[in-house]
């Protein structure tokens, strides 16, 4: 009977070691998968959720996350206002759940911020550009290059007319925190 107790105790210890090894391996694989996750993948499961976002330059926005792309997101601020945000300018996001997307998904390498900006330029919307240095400009996107935009500065709420354009600024895309528009 003593031998049976000894072997049962040894078997229990062996099972405990195997479970501990498996738990450590699962934890390490989870950390590895998380290390491959990009911010877009973290945001994508929160589509439709209410979030609060802070950006460089002190900009704070709140609304429903309506789209996420490679390097950008679209926030519905309510009351007909939308904001296209550059992910590179985001300093924090509040309101996300625990879910995350899959690391390295095709959407992470998909249509980047340049594509989104070209869509806005085609639309000819009157915008409020919030820059990472806290500068706020009203105007219209004229052109979008690979790493810059041409921004025609004119009165807020007024359509772009040649005679009303005060100046056209070339802005590095890296200087954009958000483009806001009323729909």
C-alpha atoms as a PDB file:
ATOM      1  CA  UNK A   1       0.000   0.000   0.000  1.00  0.00           C
ATOM      2  CA  UNK A   2       2.891   2.396   0.715  1.00  0.00           C
ATOM      3  CA  UNK A   3       4.256   1.796  -2.783  1.00  0.00           C
ATOM      4  CA  UNK A   4       0.892   2.674  -4.311  1.00  0.00           C
ATOM      5  CA  UNK A   5       0.805   5.944  -2.364  1.00  0.00           C
ATOM      6  CA  UNK A   6       4.377   6.762  -3.415  1.00  0.00           C
ATOM      7  CA  UNK A   7       3.681   6.103  -7.110  1.00  0.00           C
ATOM      8  CA  UNK A   8       0.414   8.052  -6.964  1.00  0.00           C
ATOM      9  CA  UNK A   9       2.277  10.984  -5.398  1.00  0.00           C
ATOM     10  CA  UNK A  10       5.003  10.821  -8.077  1.00  0.00           C
ATOM     11  CA  UNK A  11       2.339  10.703 -10.818  1.00  0.00           C
ATOM     12  CA  UNK A  12       0.570  13.750  -9.338  1.00  0.00           C
ATOM     13  CA  UNK A  13       3.863  15.666  -9.198  1.00  0.00           C
ATOM     14  CA  UNK A  14       4.587  14.734 -12.822  1.00  0.00           C
ATOM     15  CA  UNK A  15       1.117  15.921 -13.908  1.00  0.00           C
ATOM     16  CA  UNK A  16       1.592  19.198 -12.040  1.00  0.00           C
ATOM     17  CA  UNK A  17       4.942  19.766 -13.779  1.00  0.00           C
ATOM     18  CA  UNK A  18       3.420  19.017 -17.192  1.00  0.00           C
ATOM     19  CA  UNK A  19       0.555  21.444 -16.539  1.00  0.00           C
ATOM     20  CA  UNK A  20       2.956  24.147 -15.355  1.00  0.00           C
ATOM     21  CA  UNK A  21       5.105  23.685 -18.488  1.00  0.00           C
ATOM     22  CA  UNK A  22       2.043  23.864 -20.716  1.00  0.00           C
ATOM     23  CA  UNK A  23       0.787  27.015 -18.955  1.00  0.00           C
ATOM     24  CA  UNK A  24       4.213  28.655 -19.347  1.00  0.00           C
ATOM     25  CA  UNK A  25       4.291  27.724 -23.046  1.00  0.00           C
ATOM     26  CA  UNK A  26       0.781  29.099 -23.629  1.00  0.00           C
ATOM     27  CA  UNK A  27       1.697  32.325 -21.832  1.00  0.00           C
ATOM     28  CA  UNK A  28       4.859  32.702 -23.943  1.00  0.00           C
ATOM     29  CA  UNK A  29       2.958  32.051 -27.198  1.00  0.00           C
ATOM     30  CA  UNK A  30       0.332  34.599 -26.147  1.00  0.00           C
ATOM     31  CA  UNK A  31       3.053  37.203 -25.489  1.00  0.00           C
ATOM     32  CA  UNK A  32       4.626  36.413 -28.870  1.00  0.00           C
ATOM     33  CA  UNK A  33       1.299  36.809 -30.714  1.00  0.00           C
ATOM     34  CA  UNK A  34       0.600  40.062 -28.865  1.00  0.00           C
ATOM     35  CA  UNK A  35       4.028  41.402 -29.861  1.00  0.00           C
ATOM     36  CA  UNK A  36       3.056  40.976 -33.537  1.00  0.00           C
ATOM     37  CA  UNK A  37      -0.229  42.859 -33.127  1.00  0.00           C
ATOM     38  CA  UNK A  38      -0.451  46.355 -34.612  1.00  0.00           C
ATOM     39  CA  UNK A  39      -2.656  49.142 -33.281  1.00  0.00           C
ATOM     40  CA  UNK A  40      -5.063  48.733 -36.203  1.00  0.00           C
ATOM     41  CA  UNK A  41      -5.537  45.094 -35.191  1.00  0.00           C
ATOM     42  CA  UNK A  42      -6.208  46.157 -31.615  1.00  0.00           C
ATOM     43  CA  UNK A  43      -8.770  48.753 -32.765  1.00  0.00           C
ATOM     44  CA  UNK A  44     -10.612  46.720 -35.418  1.00  0.00           C
ATOM     45  CA  UNK A  45     -12.707  44.588 -32.998  1.00  0.00           C
ATOM     46  CA  UNK A  46     -13.950  47.851 -31.423  1.00  0.00           C
ATOM     47  CA  UNK A  47     -15.674  49.032 -34.617  1.00  0.00           C
ATOM     48  CA  UNK A  48     -18.935  50.685 -33.561  1.00  0.00           C
ATOM     49  CA  UNK A  49     -17.760  51.169 -29.973  1.00  0.00           C
ATOM     50  CA  UNK A  50     -17.613  54.526 -28.216  1.00  0.00           C
ATOM     51  CA  UNK A  51     -13.977  55.515 -27.678  1.00  0.00           C
ATOM     52  CA  UNK A  52     -11.992  58.500 -26.435  1.00  0.00           C
ATOM     53  CA  UNK A  53      -8.799  59.334 -28.286  1.00  0.00           C
ATOM     54  CA  UNK A  54      -5.973  61.700 -27.386  1.00  0.00           C
ATOM     55  CA  UNK A  55      -3.498  62.866 -30.013  1.00  0.00           C
ATOM     56  CA  UNK A  56      -0.250  64.773 -30.153  1.00  0.00           C
ATOM     57  CA  UNK A  57      -0.843  68.481 -29.855  1.00  0.00           C
ATOM     58  CA  UNK A  58      -3.385  68.036 -27.054  1.00  0.00           C
ATOM     59  CA  UNK A  59      -6.303  67.096 -29.316  1.00  0.00           C
ATOM     60  CA  UNK A  60      -8.984  64.993 -27.584  1.00  0.00           C
ATOM     61  CA  UNK A  61     -11.831  63.390 -29.518  1.00  0.00           C
ATOM     62  CA  UNK A  62     -14.714  61.127 -28.574  1.00  0.00           C
ATOM     63  CA  UNK A  63     -17.130  59.171 -30.714  1.00  0.00           C
ATOM     64  CA  UNK A  64     -17.862  55.853 -32.371  1.00  0.00           C
ATOM     65  CA  UNK A  65     -15.078  54.076 -34.202  1.00  0.00           C
ATOM     66  CA  UNK A  66     -16.464  53.625 -37.718  1.00  0.00           C
ATOM     67  CA  UNK A  67     -13.474  52.445 -39.811  1.00  0.00           C
ATOM     68  CA  UNK A  68      -9.866  51.361 -39.319  1.00  0.00           C
ATOM     69  CA  UNK A  69      -7.171  51.131 -41.971  1.00  0.00           C
ATOM     70  CA  UNK A  70      -3.410  50.846 -42.160  1.00  0.00           C
ATOM     71  CA  UNK A  71      -2.248  54.006 -40.377  1.00  0.00           C
ATOM     72  CA  UNK A  72      -5.640  55.702 -40.005  1.00  0.00           C
ATOM     73  CA  UNK A  73      -9.039  55.470 -38.371  1.00  0.00           C
ATOM     74  CA  UNK A  74     -12.368  57.181 -38.857  1.00  0.00           C
ATOM     75  CA  UNK A  75     -14.275  58.443 -35.842  1.00  0.00           C
ATOM     76  CA  UNK A  76     -17.951  59.432 -35.971  1.00  0.00           C
ATOM     77  CA  UNK A  77     -18.123  62.257 -33.442  1.00  0.00           C
ATOM     78  CA  UNK A  78     -21.910  62.554 -33.714  1.00  0.00           C
ATOM     79  CA  UNK A  79     -24.018  65.519 -34.811  1.00  0.00           C
ATOM     80  CA  UNK A  80     -22.802  64.986 -38.390  1.00  0.00           C
ATOM     81  CA  UNK A  81     -19.085  65.418 -37.613  1.00  0.00           C
ATOM     82  CA  UNK A  82     -16.394  62.920 -38.616  1.00  0.00           C
ATOM     83  CA  UNK A  83     -12.672  62.855 -37.959  1.00  0.00           C
ATOM     84  CA  UNK A  84     -10.002  61.026 -39.929  1.00  0.00           C
ATOM     85  CA  UNK A  85      -7.110  60.408 -37.533  1.00  0.00           C
ATOM     86  CA  UNK A  86      -3.520  59.459 -38.273  1.00  0.00           C
ATOM     87  CA  UNK A  87      -2.659  56.477 -36.074  1.00  0.00           C
ATOM     88  CA  UNK A  88       0.921  57.799 -35.774  1.00  0.00           C
ATOM     89  CA  UNK A  89      -0.403  60.884 -33.945  1.00  0.00           C
ATOM     90  CA  UNK A  90      -2.495  58.963 -31.387  1.00  0.00           C
ATOM     91  CA  UNK A  91      -1.177  59.021 -27.837  1.00  0.00           C
ATOM     92  CA  UNK A  92      -3.971  57.011 -26.144  1.00  0.00           C
ATOM     93  CA  UNK A  93      -7.289  55.286 -26.773  1.00  0.00           C
ATOM     94  CA  UNK A  94      -9.842  54.627 -24.037  1.00  0.00           C
ATOM     95  CA  UNK A  95     -12.950  52.483 -24.290  1.00  0.00           C
ATOM     96  CA  UNK A  96     -11.539  49.418 -26.035  1.00  0.00           C
ATOM     97  CA  UNK A  97     -12.565  45.972 -24.895  1.00  0.00           C
ATOM     98  CA  UNK A  98     -10.165  43.079 -24.406  1.00  0.00           C
ATOM     99  CA  UNK A  99     -10.555  41.675 -27.928  1.00  0.00           C
ATOM    100  CA  UNK A 100      -7.857  42.052 -30.572  1.00  0.00           C
ATOM    101  CA  UNK A 101      -7.641  41.141 -34.219  1.00  0.00           C
ATOM    102  CA  UNK A 102      -5.234  38.653 -35.702  1.00  0.00           C
ATOM    103  CA  UNK A 103      -1.626  39.830 -36.033  1.00  0.00           C
ATOM    104  CA  UNK A 104      -0.418  40.465 -39.571  1.00  0.00           C
ATOM    105  CA  UNK A 105      -3.861  40.497 -41.165  1.00  0.00           C
ATOM    106  CA  UNK A 106      -4.170  41.753 -44.728  1.00  0.00           C
ATOM    107  CA  UNK A 107      -5.951  44.868 -43.421  1.00  0.00           C
ATOM    108  CA  UNK A 108      -2.846  45.890 -41.479  1.00  0.00           C
ATOM    109  CA  UNK A 109      -0.907  46.174 -44.747  1.00  0.00           C
ATOM    110  CA  UNK A 110      -3.902  47.306 -46.804  1.00  0.00           C
ATOM    111  CA  UNK A 111      -5.045  50.735 -47.842  1.00  0.00           C
ATOM    112  CA  UNK A 112      -2.948  53.252 -45.965  1.00  0.00           C
ATOM    113  CA  UNK A 113      -3.522  56.795 -44.850  1.00  0.00           C
ATOM    114  CA  UNK A 114      -2.561  58.131 -48.283  1.00  0.00           C
ATOM    115  CA  UNK A 115      -5.480  56.242 -49.816  1.00  0.00           C
ATOM    116  CA  UNK A 116      -7.879  57.661 -47.212  1.00  0.00           C
ATOM    117  CA  UNK A 117      -6.511  61.189 -47.743  1.00  0.00           C
ATOM    118  CA  UNK A 118      -6.922  60.899 -51.526  1.00  0.00           C
ATOM    119  CA  UNK A 119     -10.575  60.000 -50.946  1.00  0.00           C
ATOM    120  CA  UNK A 120     -11.017  63.115 -48.818  1.00  0.00           C
ATOM    121  CA  UNK A 121      -9.279  65.259 -51.465  1.00  0.00           C
ATOM    122  CA  UNK A 122     -11.588  63.881 -54.187  1.00  0.00           C
ATOM    123  CA  UNK A 123     -14.579  64.736 -52.007  1.00  0.00           C
ATOM    124  CA  UNK A 124     -13.461  68.420 -51.806  1.00  0.00           C
ATOM    125  CA  UNK A 125     -14.828  68.646 -48.265  1.00  0.00           C
ATOM    126  CA  UNK A 126     -14.176  71.723 -46.162  1.00  0.00           C
ATOM    127  CA  UNK A 127     -11.951  70.504 -43.329  1.00  0.00           C
ATOM    128  CA  UNK A 128     -10.432  71.515 -40.060  1.00  0.00           C
ATOM    129  CA  UNK A 129      -6.866  70.185 -39.994  1.00  0.00           C
ATOM    130  CA  UNK A 130      -5.513  69.568 -36.493  1.00  0.00           C
ATOM    131  CA  UNK A 131      -1.732  69.250 -36.575  1.00  0.00           C
ATOM    132  CA  UNK A 132       0.538  67.481 -34.119  1.00  0.00           C
ATOM    133  CA  UNK A 133       1.956  70.837 -32.947  1.00  0.00           C
ATOM    134  CA  UNK A 134      -1.572  72.090 -31.941  1.00  0.00           C
ATOM    135  CA  UNK A 135      -1.988  74.239 -35.066  1.00  0.00           C
ATOM    136  CA  UNK A 136      -5.554  74.264 -36.401  1.00  0.00           C
ATOM    137  CA  UNK A 137      -6.215  75.185 -40.039  1.00  0.00           C
ATOM    138  CA  UNK A 138      -9.467  75.460 -41.995  1.00  0.00           C
ATOM    139  CA  UNK A 139      -9.497  74.657 -45.685  1.00  0.00           C
ATOM    140  CA  UNK A 140      -9.518  71.942 -48.322  1.00  0.00           C
ATOM    141  CA  UNK A 141      -7.104  69.216 -49.375  1.00  0.00           C
ATOM    142  CA  UNK A 142      -5.898  69.980 -52.896  1.00  0.00           C
ATOM    143  CA  UNK A 143      -3.390  67.183 -53.527  1.00  0.00           C
ATOM    144  CA  UNK A 144      -1.974  64.172 -51.740  1.00  0.00           C
ATOM    145  CA  UNK A 145       1.580  63.000 -52.326  1.00  0.00           C
ATOM    146  CA  UNK A 146       3.295  59.978 -50.861  1.00  0.00           C
ATOM    147  CA  UNK A 147       4.289  61.817 -47.662  1.00  0.00           C
ATOM    148  CA  UNK A 148       2.665  65.264 -47.939  1.00  0.00           C
ATOM    149  CA  UNK A 149      -0.598  67.058 -48.688  1.00  0.00           C
ATOM    150  CA  UNK A 150      -1.275  70.427 -50.283  1.00  0.00           C
ATOM    151  CA  UNK A 151      -3.783  72.195 -48.035  1.00  0.00           C
ATOM    152  CA  UNK A 152      -5.623  75.292 -49.313  1.00  0.00           C
ATOM    153  CA  UNK A 153      -6.321  77.554 -46.331  1.00  0.00           C
ATOM    154  CA  UNK A 154      -9.629  79.443 -46.492  1.00  0.00           C
ATOM    155  CA  UNK A 155     -12.525  80.453 -44.238  1.00  0.00           C
ATOM    156  CA  UNK A 156     -14.169  77.730 -42.163  1.00  0.00           C
ATOM    157  CA  UNK A 157     -17.418  76.393 -43.547  1.00  0.00           C
ATOM    158  CA  UNK A 158     -16.930  78.030 -46.953  1.00  0.00           C
ATOM    159  CA  UNK A 159     -16.263  76.016 -50.118  1.00  0.00           C
ATOM    160  CA  UNK A 160     -12.874  76.397 -51.765  1.00  0.00           C
ATOM    161  CA  UNK A 161     -12.874  79.256 -54.239  1.00  0.00           C
ATOM    162  CA  UNK A 162      -9.670  80.495 -55.841  1.00  0.00           C
ATOM    163  CA  UNK A 163     -10.253  84.071 -54.717  1.00  0.00           C
ATOM    164  CA  UNK A 164     -10.889  83.001 -51.097  1.00  0.00           C
ATOM    165  CA  UNK A 165      -7.746  80.877 -50.679  1.00  0.00           C
ATOM    166  CA  UNK A 166      -5.347  82.713 -48.361  1.00  0.00           C
ATOM    167  CA  UNK A 167      -2.443  80.357 -49.008  1.00  0.00           C
ATOM    168  CA  UNK A 168      -1.653  76.781 -49.966  1.00  0.00           C
ATOM    169  CA  UNK A 169       0.504  74.999 -47.420  1.00  0.00           C
ATOM    170  CA  UNK A 170       2.482  71.836 -48.002  1.00  0.00           C
ATOM    171  CA  UNK A 171       2.002  69.698 -44.895  1.00  0.00           C
ATOM    172  CA  UNK A 172       3.935  66.510 -44.184  1.00  0.00           C
ATOM    173  CA  UNK A 173       1.474  63.685 -43.539  1.00  0.00           C
ATOM    174  CA  UNK A 174       3.438  63.023 -40.343  1.00  0.00           C
ATOM    175  CA  UNK A 175       2.284  66.466 -39.088  1.00  0.00           C
ATOM    176  CA  UNK A 176      -1.425  65.562 -39.380  1.00  0.00           C
ATOM    177  CA  UNK A 177      -3.191  64.467 -36.205  1.00  0.00           C
ATOM    178  CA  UNK A 178      -6.774  64.664 -37.518  1.00  0.00           C
ATOM    179  CA  UNK A 179      -8.899  66.017 -40.316  1.00  0.00           C
ATOM    180  CA  UNK A 180     -12.373  66.913 -39.110  1.00  0.00           C
ATOM    181  CA  UNK A 181     -15.403  67.629 -41.247  1.00  0.00           C
ATOM    182  CA  UNK A 182     -19.089  68.201 -40.859  1.00  0.00           C
ATOM    183  CA  UNK A 183     -21.121  66.023 -43.170  1.00  0.00           C
END
